[in-house]
C-alpha atoms as a PDB file:
ATOM      1  CA  UNK A   1      15.031   5.584 -11.816  1.00  0.00           C
ATOM      2  CA  UNK A   2      11.632   7.185 -12.377  1.00  0.00           C
ATOM      3  CA  UNK A   3       8.913   5.733 -10.208  1.00  0.00           C
ATOM      4  CA  UNK A   4       5.429   6.820  -9.162  1.00  0.00           C
ATOM      5  CA  UNK A   5       4.667   5.418  -5.715  1.00  0.00           C
ATOM      6  CA  UNK A   6       0.981   5.020  -4.885  1.00  0.00           C
ATOM      7  CA  UNK A   7      -0.454   5.074  -1.352  1.00  0.00           C
ATOM      8  CA  UNK A   8      -2.850   2.528   0.179  1.00  0.00           C
ATOM      9  CA  UNK A   9      -5.472   1.713  -2.490  1.00  0.00           C
ATOM     10  CA  UNK A  10      -7.765  -0.481  -0.332  1.00  0.00           C
ATOM     11  CA  UNK A  11      -9.880  -1.663  -3.261  1.00  0.00           C
ATOM     12  CA  UNK A  12     -10.526   1.859  -4.628  1.00  0.00           C
ATOM     13  CA  UNK A  13     -10.068   0.853  -8.262  1.00  0.00           C
ATOM     14  CA  UNK A  14     -11.782   3.933  -9.746  1.00  0.00           C
ATOM     15  CA  UNK A  15      -9.379   6.247  -7.925  1.00  0.00           C
ATOM     16  CA  UNK A  16      -6.433   4.029  -8.925  1.00  0.00           C
ATOM     17  CA  UNK A  17      -7.442   4.297 -12.618  1.00  0.00           C
ATOM     18  CA  UNK A  18      -7.910   8.070 -12.371  1.00  0.00           C
ATOM     19  CA  UNK A  19      -4.651   8.663 -10.525  1.00  0.00           C
ATOM     20  CA  UNK A  20      -2.554   6.609 -12.951  1.00  0.00           C
ATOM     21  CA  UNK A  21      -4.190   8.380 -15.916  1.00  0.00           C
ATOM     22  CA  UNK A  22      -3.383  11.744 -14.280  1.00  0.00           C
ATOM     23  CA  UNK A  23       0.241  10.561 -13.910  1.00  0.00           C
ATOM     24  CA  UNK A  24       0.380   9.863 -17.650  1.00  0.00           C
ATOM     25  CA  UNK A  25      -0.197   6.093 -17.687  1.00  0.00           C
ATOM     26  CA  UNK A  26      -2.145   4.536 -20.555  1.00  0.00           C
ATOM     27  CA  UNK A  27      -4.653   1.725 -19.891  1.00  0.00           C
ATOM     28  CA  UNK A  28      -5.239   0.594 -23.492  1.00  0.00           C
ATOM     29  CA  UNK A  29      -3.528  -2.755 -22.819  1.00  0.00           C
ATOM     30  CA  UNK A  30      -5.699  -3.295 -19.714  1.00  0.00           C
ATOM     31  CA  UNK A  31      -2.963  -2.217 -17.308  1.00  0.00           C
ATOM     32  CA  UNK A  32      -1.381   1.204 -16.655  1.00  0.00           C
ATOM     33  CA  UNK A  33       1.838   1.615 -18.664  1.00  0.00           C
ATOM     34  CA  UNK A  34       3.888   4.775 -19.202  1.00  0.00           C
ATOM     35  CA  UNK A  35       5.376   5.787 -22.564  1.00  0.00           C
ATOM     36  CA  UNK A  36       8.425   7.373 -20.893  1.00  0.00           C
ATOM     37  CA  UNK A  37       9.567   4.308 -18.965  1.00  0.00           C
ATOM     38  CA  UNK A  38       8.187   5.471 -15.640  1.00  0.00           C
ATOM     39  CA  UNK A  39       7.032   2.613 -13.453  1.00  0.00           C
ATOM     40  CA  UNK A  40       4.656   2.241 -10.528  1.00  0.00           C
ATOM     41  CA  UNK A  41       5.412   1.365  -6.919  1.00  0.00           C
ATOM     42  CA  UNK A  42       2.859   0.184  -4.352  1.00  0.00           C
ATOM     43  CA  UNK A  43       3.171   0.636  -0.585  1.00  0.00           C
ATOM     44  CA  UNK A  44       0.802  -2.268   0.165  1.00  0.00           C
ATOM     45  CA  UNK A  45      -2.779  -2.534   1.428  1.00  0.00           C
ATOM     46  CA  UNK A  46      -4.155  -3.074  -2.059  1.00  0.00           C
ATOM     47  CA  UNK A  47      -7.367  -4.600  -0.696  1.00  0.00           C
ATOM     48  CA  UNK A  48     -10.108  -4.376   1.964  1.00  0.00           C
ATOM     49  CA  UNK A  49     -12.886  -1.879   2.695  1.00  0.00           C
ATOM     50  CA  UNK A  50     -13.157  -0.534  -0.875  1.00  0.00           C
ATOM     51  CA  UNK A  51     -15.465  -1.921  -3.599  1.00  0.00           C
ATOM     52  CA  UNK A  52     -12.991  -3.503  -6.069  1.00  0.00           C
ATOM     53  CA  UNK A  53     -10.186  -5.264  -4.215  1.00  0.00           C
ATOM     54  CA  UNK A  54      -9.912  -8.230  -6.595  1.00  0.00           C
ATOM     55  CA  UNK A  55      -9.620  -5.989  -9.647  1.00  0.00           C
ATOM     56  CA  UNK A  56      -6.741  -4.143  -7.952  1.00  0.00           C
ATOM     57  CA  UNK A  57      -4.999  -7.471  -7.206  1.00  0.00           C
ATOM     58  CA  UNK A  58      -5.414  -8.574 -10.823  1.00  0.00           C
ATOM     59  CA  UNK A  59      -3.832  -5.409 -12.256  1.00  0.00           C
ATOM     60  CA  UNK A  60      -0.981  -5.246  -9.726  1.00  0.00           C
ATOM     61  CA  UNK A  61      -0.197  -8.941 -10.298  1.00  0.00           C
ATOM     62  CA  UNK A  62      -0.003  -8.339 -14.066  1.00  0.00           C
ATOM     63  CA  UNK A  63       2.231  -5.294 -13.585  1.00  0.00           C
ATOM     64  CA  UNK A  64       4.595  -6.806 -11.017  1.00  0.00           C
ATOM     65  CA  UNK A  65       4.742 -10.509 -11.883  1.00  0.00           C
ATOM     66  CA  UNK A  66       3.803 -10.791 -15.537  1.00  0.00           C
ATOM     67  CA  UNK A  67       5.194  -7.545 -16.998  1.00  0.00           C
ATOM     68  CA  UNK A  68       7.865  -6.705 -14.361  1.00  0.00           C
ATOM     69  CA  UNK A  69       6.760  -3.083 -14.761  1.00  0.00           C
ATOM     70  CA  UNK A  70       6.089  -2.220 -11.103  1.00  0.00           C
ATOM     71  CA  UNK A  71       7.299  -2.713  -7.538  1.00  0.00           C
ATOM     72  CA  UNK A  72       5.140  -3.914  -4.664  1.00  0.00           C
ATOM     73  CA  UNK A  73       5.733  -4.411  -0.974  1.00  0.00           C
ATOM     74  CA  UNK A  74       2.969  -5.825   1.255  1.00  0.00           C
ATOM     75  CA  UNK A  75       0.961  -4.114   3.966  1.00  0.00           C
ATOM     76  CA  UNK A  76      -0.769  -5.551   7.032  1.00  0.00           C
ATOM     77  CA  UNK A  77      -4.035  -6.046   5.093  1.00  0.00           C
ATOM     78  CA  UNK A  78      -2.085  -7.933   2.394  1.00  0.00           C
ATOM     79  CA  UNK A  79      -0.554 -10.109   5.110  1.00  0.00           C
ATOM     80  CA  UNK A  80      -3.970 -10.906   6.573  1.00  0.00           C
ATOM     81  CA  UNK A  81      -5.490 -11.747   3.175  1.00  0.00           C
ATOM     82  CA  UNK A  82      -2.514 -14.024   2.493  1.00  0.00           C
ATOM     83  CA  UNK A  83      -3.139 -15.857   5.781  1.00  0.00           C
ATOM     84  CA  UNK A  84      -6.834 -16.163   4.865  1.00  0.00           C
ATOM     85  CA  UNK A  85      -5.878 -17.687   1.491  1.00  0.00           C
ATOM     86  CA  UNK A  86      -3.529 -20.115   3.264  1.00  0.00           C
ATOM     87  CA  UNK A  87      -6.539 -21.352   5.211  1.00  0.00           C
ATOM     88  CA  UNK A  88      -5.349 -19.946   8.536  1.00  0.00           C
ATOM     89  CA  UNK A  89      -7.871 -18.805  11.109  1.00  0.00           C
ATOM     90  CA  UNK A  90      -8.138 -15.023  10.749  1.00  0.00           C
ATOM     91  CA  UNK A  91     -10.773 -12.595  11.932  1.00  0.00           C
ATOM     92  CA  UNK A  92     -12.871 -11.614   8.924  1.00  0.00           C
ATOM     93  CA  UNK A  93     -13.274  -8.010  10.068  1.00  0.00           C
ATOM     94  CA  UNK A  94     -11.596  -4.573   9.819  1.00  0.00           C
ATOM     95  CA  UNK A  95     -12.137  -4.526   6.042  1.00  0.00           C
ATOM     96  CA  UNK A  96     -11.243  -8.117   5.150  1.00  0.00           C
ATOM     97  CA  UNK A  97     -14.968  -8.953   5.021  1.00  0.00           C
ATOM     98  CA  UNK A  98     -15.406  -6.868   1.839  1.00  0.00           C
ATOM     99  CA  UNK A  99     -12.596  -8.713   0.021  1.00  0.00           C
ATOM    100  CA  UNK A 100     -13.877 -12.103   1.228  1.00  0.00           C
ATOM    101  CA  UNK A 101     -17.415 -11.247   0.053  1.00  0.00           C
ATOM    102  CA  UNK A 102     -16.072 -10.379  -3.422  1.00  0.00           C
ATOM    103  CA  UNK A 103     -14.039 -13.582  -3.446  1.00  0.00           C
ATOM    104  CA  UNK A 104     -16.955 -15.779  -2.350  1.00  0.00           C
ATOM    105  CA  UNK A 105     -19.194 -14.371  -5.080  1.00  0.00           C
ATOM    106  CA  UNK A 106     -16.870 -15.760  -7.783  1.00  0.00           C
ATOM    107  CA  UNK A 107     -17.103 -19.096  -9.571  1.00  0.00           C
ATOM    108  CA  UNK A 108     -14.745 -21.713  -8.138  1.00  0.00           C
ATOM    109  CA  UNK A 109     -12.220 -21.503 -10.999  1.00  0.00           C
ATOM    110  CA  UNK A 110     -12.096 -17.677 -10.737  1.00  0.00           C
ATOM    111  CA  UNK A 111     -11.585 -17.992  -6.987  1.00  0.00           C
ATOM    112  CA  UNK A 112      -8.657 -20.330  -7.598  1.00  0.00           C
ATOM    113  CA  UNK A 113      -7.152 -17.954 -10.162  1.00  0.00           C
ATOM    114  CA  UNK A 114      -7.263 -14.816  -7.977  1.00  0.00           C
ATOM    115  CA  UNK A 115      -6.077 -16.751  -4.914  1.00  0.00           C
ATOM    116  CA  UNK A 116      -3.096 -18.106  -6.834  1.00  0.00           C
ATOM    117  CA  UNK A 117      -2.212 -14.680  -8.240  1.00  0.00           C
ATOM    118  CA  UNK A 118      -2.371 -12.916  -4.912  1.00  0.00           C
ATOM    119  CA  UNK A 119      -0.351 -15.613  -3.160  1.00  0.00           C
ATOM    120  CA  UNK A 120       2.322 -15.417  -5.852  1.00  0.00           C
ATOM    121  CA  UNK A 121       2.408 -11.611  -5.622  1.00  0.00           C
ATOM    122  CA  UNK A 122       2.746 -11.778  -1.835  1.00  0.00           C
ATOM    123  CA  UNK A 123       5.301 -14.606  -1.714  1.00  0.00           C
ATOM    124  CA  UNK A 124       7.604 -12.918  -4.232  1.00  0.00           C
ATOM    125  CA  UNK A 125       7.401  -9.510  -2.552  1.00  0.00           C
ATOM    126  CA  UNK A 126      10.206  -8.235  -0.331  1.00  0.00           C
ATOM    127  CA  UNK A 127       9.346  -7.054   3.215  1.00  0.00           C
ATOM    128  CA  UNK A 128      10.349  -3.596   2.015  1.00  0.00           C
ATOM    129  CA  UNK A 129      12.125  -2.185  -1.041  1.00  0.00           C
ATOM    130  CA  UNK A 130      15.512  -0.487  -1.224  1.00  0.00           C
ATOM    131  CA  UNK A 131      15.885   1.167  -4.643  1.00  0.00           C
ATOM    132  CA  UNK A 132      17.982   3.650  -6.595  1.00  0.00           C
ATOM    133  CA  UNK A 133      21.386   2.917  -5.011  1.00  0.00           C
ATOM    134  CA  UNK A 134      19.852   2.965  -1.518  1.00  0.00           C
ATOM    135  CA  UNK A 135      18.458   6.475  -2.050  1.00  0.00           C
ATOM    136  CA  UNK A 136      14.835   5.310  -1.838  1.00  0.00           C
ATOM    137  CA  UNK A 137      13.093   2.945   0.576  1.00  0.00           C
ATOM    138  CA  UNK A 138       9.451   1.878   0.224  1.00  0.00           C
ATOM    139  CA  UNK A 139       7.970   0.214   3.314  1.00  0.00           C
ATOM    140  CA  UNK A 140       4.262  -0.100   4.110  1.00  0.00           C
ATOM    141  CA  UNK A 141       4.303   1.434   7.603  1.00  0.00           C
ATOM    142  CA  UNK A 142       7.789   2.948   7.318  1.00  0.00           C
ATOM    143  CA  UNK A 143      11.106   1.744   8.710  1.00  0.00           C
ATOM    144  CA  UNK A 144      13.696   3.009  11.200  1.00  0.00           C
ATOM    145  CA  UNK A 145      17.183   3.853   9.947  1.00  0.00           C
ATOM    146  CA  UNK A 146      18.837   1.072  11.963  1.00  0.00           C
ATOM    147  CA  UNK A 147      16.503  -1.583  10.497  1.00  0.00           C
ATOM    148  CA  UNK A 148      17.280  -0.802   6.833  1.00  0.00           C
ATOM    149  CA  UNK A 149      19.178  -3.742   5.350  1.00  0.00           C
ATOM    150  CA  UNK A 150      17.876  -6.214   7.943  1.00  0.00           C
ATOM    151  CA  UNK A 151      15.294  -8.952   7.371  1.00  0.00           C
ATOM    152  CA  UNK A 152      13.941 -10.460  10.587  1.00  0.00           C
ATOM    153  CA  UNK A 153      10.721 -10.659  12.604  1.00  0.00           C
ATOM    154  CA  UNK A 154      11.266  -7.289  14.271  1.00  0.00           C
ATOM    155  CA  UNK A 155      11.632  -5.666  10.842  1.00  0.00           C
ATOM    156  CA  UNK A 156       8.599  -7.508   9.475  1.00  0.00           C
ATOM    157  CA  UNK A 157       6.453  -6.329  12.396  1.00  0.00           C
ATOM    158  CA  UNK A 158       7.681  -2.745  11.992  1.00  0.00           C
ATOM    159  CA  UNK A 159       7.117  -2.498   8.212  1.00  0.00           C
ATOM    160  CA  UNK A 160       3.628  -4.022   8.505  1.00  0.00           C
ATOM    161  CA  UNK A 161       2.320  -2.258  11.618  1.00  0.00           C
ATOM    162  CA  UNK A 162       4.616   0.695  12.372  1.00  0.00           C
ATOM    163  CA  UNK A 163       6.368   1.417  15.653  1.00  0.00           C
ATOM    164  CA  UNK A 164       3.753  -0.191  17.909  1.00  0.00           C
ATOM    165  CA  UNK A 165       4.151  -0.087  21.700  1.00  0.00           C
ATOM    166  CA  UNK A 166       1.940  -3.098  22.463  1.00  0.00           C
ATOM    167  CA  UNK A 167      -0.683  -0.844  24.083  1.00  0.00           C
ATOM    168  CA  UNK A 168      -4.105  -0.099  22.629  1.00  0.00           C
ATOM    169  CA  UNK A 169      -6.220   3.061  22.314  1.00  0.00           C
ATOM    170  CA  UNK A 170      -9.808   2.909  23.702  1.00  0.00           C
ATOM    171  CA  UNK A 171     -11.098   2.107  20.178  1.00  0.00           C
ATOM    172  CA  UNK A 172      -8.826  -0.969  20.030  1.00  0.00           C
ATOM    173  CA  UNK A 173      -6.302   0.518  17.587  1.00  0.00           C
ATOM    174  CA  UNK A 174      -2.624   0.092  18.499  1.00  0.00           C
ATOM    175  CA  UNK A 175      -0.613   2.881  20.110  1.00  0.00           C
ATOM    176  CA  UNK A 176       2.253   3.818  17.767  1.00  0.00           C
ATOM    177  CA  UNK A 177       5.370   5.898  18.308  1.00  0.00           C
ATOM    178  CA  UNK A 178       6.100   8.676  15.813  1.00  0.00           C
ATOM    179  CA  UNK A 179       9.220   7.091  14.254  1.00  0.00           C
ATOM    180  CA  UNK A 180       9.342   9.634  11.385  1.00  0.00           C
ATOM    181  CA  UNK A 181      10.128  12.475  13.826  1.00  0.00           C
ATOM    182  CA  UNK A 182      13.272  10.606  14.892  1.00  0.00           C
ATOM    183  CA  UNK A 183      14.412   9.622  11.394  1.00  0.00           C
ATOM    184  CA  UNK A 184      17.646  11.275  10.228  1.00  0.00           C
ATOM    185  CA  UNK A 185      18.833   8.904   7.469  1.00  0.00           C
ATOM    186  CA  UNK A 186      20.018   9.754   3.976  1.00  0.00           C
ATOM    187  CA  UNK A 187      17.426   7.737   2.039  1.00  0.00           C
ATOM    188  CA  UNK A 188      13.920   8.942   1.278  1.00  0.00           C
ATOM    189  CA  UNK A 189      11.368   6.703   3.001  1.00  0.00           C
ATOM    190  CA  UNK A 190       7.970   6.462   1.326  1.00  0.00           C
ATOM    191  CA  UNK A 191       5.200   4.723   3.233  1.00  0.00           C
ATOM    192  CA  UNK A 192       1.470   4.648   4.022  1.00  0.00           C
ATOM    193  CA  UNK A 193      -0.538   2.712   6.637  1.00  0.00           C
ATOM    194  CA  UNK A 194      -1.691   5.731   8.696  1.00  0.00           C
ATOM    195  CA  UNK A 195      -4.331   7.847   6.911  1.00  0.00           C
ATOM    196  CA  UNK A 196      -3.530  11.571   6.887  1.00  0.00           C
ATOM    197  CA  UNK A 197      -5.507  14.377   5.219  1.00  0.00           C
ATOM    198  CA  UNK A 198      -2.462  15.675   3.359  1.00  0.00           C
ATOM    199  CA  UNK A 199       0.794  13.814   2.681  1.00  0.00           C
ATOM    200  CA  UNK A 200       2.989  14.098   5.779  1.00  0.00           C
ATOM    201  CA  UNK A 201       6.539  15.089   4.885  1.00  0.00           C
ATOM    202  CA  UNK A 202       9.084  15.110   7.692  1.00  0.00           C
ATOM    203  CA  UNK A 203      12.857  14.346   7.766  1.00  0.00           C
ATOM    204  CA  UNK A 204      12.917  12.810   4.242  1.00  0.00           C
ATOM    205  CA  UNK A 205       9.933  10.576   5.101  1.00  0.00           C
ATOM    206  CA  UNK A 206       6.721  10.777   3.060  1.00  0.00           C
ATOM    207  CA  UNK A 207       3.449   9.313   4.318  1.00  0.00           C
ATOM    208  CA  UNK A 208       1.284   9.151   1.186  1.00  0.00           C
ATOM    209  CA  UNK A 209      -1.744   7.314   2.623  1.00  0.00           C
ATOM    210  CA  UNK A 210      -4.271  10.107   2.217  1.00  0.00           C
ATOM    211  CA  UNK A 211      -7.236   7.919   3.136  1.00  0.00           C
ATOM    212  CA  UNK A 212      -8.784   7.139  -0.254  1.00  0.00           C
ATOM    213  CA  UNK A 213     -11.036   4.486   1.284  1.00  0.00           C
ATOM    214  CA  UNK A 214     -12.233   6.930   3.969  1.00  0.00           C
ATOM    215  CA  UNK A 215     -13.249   9.649   1.526  1.00  0.00           C
ATOM    216  CA  UNK A 216      -9.919  11.487   1.391  1.00  0.00           C
ATOM    217  CA  UNK A 217      -7.688  11.228  -1.672  1.00  0.00           C
ATOM    218  CA  UNK A 218      -5.547   8.653  -3.411  1.00  0.00           C
ATOM    219  CA  UNK A 219      -2.032  10.047  -3.678  1.00  0.00           C
ATOM    220  CA  UNK A 220       1.192   9.201  -5.470  1.00  0.00           C
ATOM    221  CA  UNK A 221       4.709  10.503  -5.000  1.00  0.00           C
ATOM    222  CA  UNK A 222       6.638  11.048  -8.227  1.00  0.00           C
ATOM    223  CA  UNK A 223      10.293  10.144  -7.699  1.00  0.00           C
ATOM    224  CA  UNK A 224      12.874  11.667  -8.178  1.00  0.00           C
ATOM    225  CA  UNK A 225      10.791  14.841  -8.675  1.00  0.00           C
ATOM    226  CA  UNK A 226       9.347  14.467  -5.130  1.00  0.00           C
ATOM    227  CA  UNK A 227       6.044  15.839  -6.359  1.00  0.00           C
ATOM    228  CA  UNK A 228       2.748  14.591  -4.925  1.00  0.00           C
ATOM    229  CA  UNK A 229      -0.189  13.998  -7.297  1.00  0.00           C
ATOM    230  CA  UNK A 230      -3.651  13.181  -5.887  1.00  0.00           C
ATOM    231  CA  UNK A 231      -7.213  12.486  -6.990  1.00  0.00           C
ATOM    232  CA  UNK A 232     -10.312  12.853  -4.790  1.00  0.00           C
ATOM    233  CA  UNK A 233     -12.025   9.772  -3.419  1.00  0.00           C
ATOM    234  CA  UNK A 234     -15.519   8.636  -4.398  1.00  0.00           C
ATOM    235  CA  UNK A 235     -16.011   7.026  -0.961  1.00  0.00           C
ATOM    236  CA  UNK A 236     -17.975   8.559   1.949  1.00  0.00           C
ATOM    237  CA  UNK A 237     -15.845  10.837   4.133  1.00  0.00           C
ATOM    238  CA  UNK A 238     -15.110   9.559   7.671  1.00  0.00           C
ATOM    239  CA  UNK A 239     -13.314  12.274   9.646  1.00  0.00           C
ATOM    240  CA  UNK A 240     -12.296  10.135  12.638  1.00  0.00           C
ATOM    241  CA  UNK A 241     -10.249   7.769  10.478  1.00  0.00           C
ATOM    242  CA  UNK A 242      -7.610  10.428   9.797  1.00  0.00           C
ATOM    243  CA  UNK A 243      -4.628  10.813  12.109  1.00  0.00           C
ATOM    244  CA  UNK A 244      -3.649  14.250  13.384  1.00  0.00           C
ATOM    245  CA  UNK A 245      -0.021  14.721  14.404  1.00  0.00           C
ATOM    246  CA  UNK A 246       1.197  17.257  16.952  1.00  0.00           C
END
């Protein structure tokens, strides 16, 4: 299996186009396709904060649902957008406001179309992906060894939010344990969720969220080559959004 796994896009469509082109994907059909049968994987958080969330949804829906040429597993922002589309009461903040503003600017029939596509994409997505004879796991915020193979609420919470303690930092963000330091499994785990300046590689885990929406880079991991390919972001740089590990 040859797959290029892309970190959190967060509506950064320009960077997504540039990164896929750099990876050798051709957009002439309107979606990124590779001549050598490579496919794309997405770690979730397609939307929010960036300028073109709906365009990202459209392309990923075509790739995953229509063409079956990509893999996608949802992130916490995907989960929140899904709940918004269901009509649930969600806080329109922390980035969701940008996606909602794009959505509300559309004609009614276009709203219905994008809502339907995103809901289908989300509903058909697994909590996390186990690929290549269990050699590769893609999970938005990562996954602990003992949770691989399970599908329950504990797993769902972990893959969406990481190893949260229930406590909060002064800025309101959740306190998370560093699960990757403790991971000693056989499979490679590729994830995002926590923006880092450079991909964080530890114990066969790869955090490839390099903060595209905060002015960092958009990164992809080429598997099985285990090579990281990145493009710079066009967004303003916000230093405090990047996590520093000990």
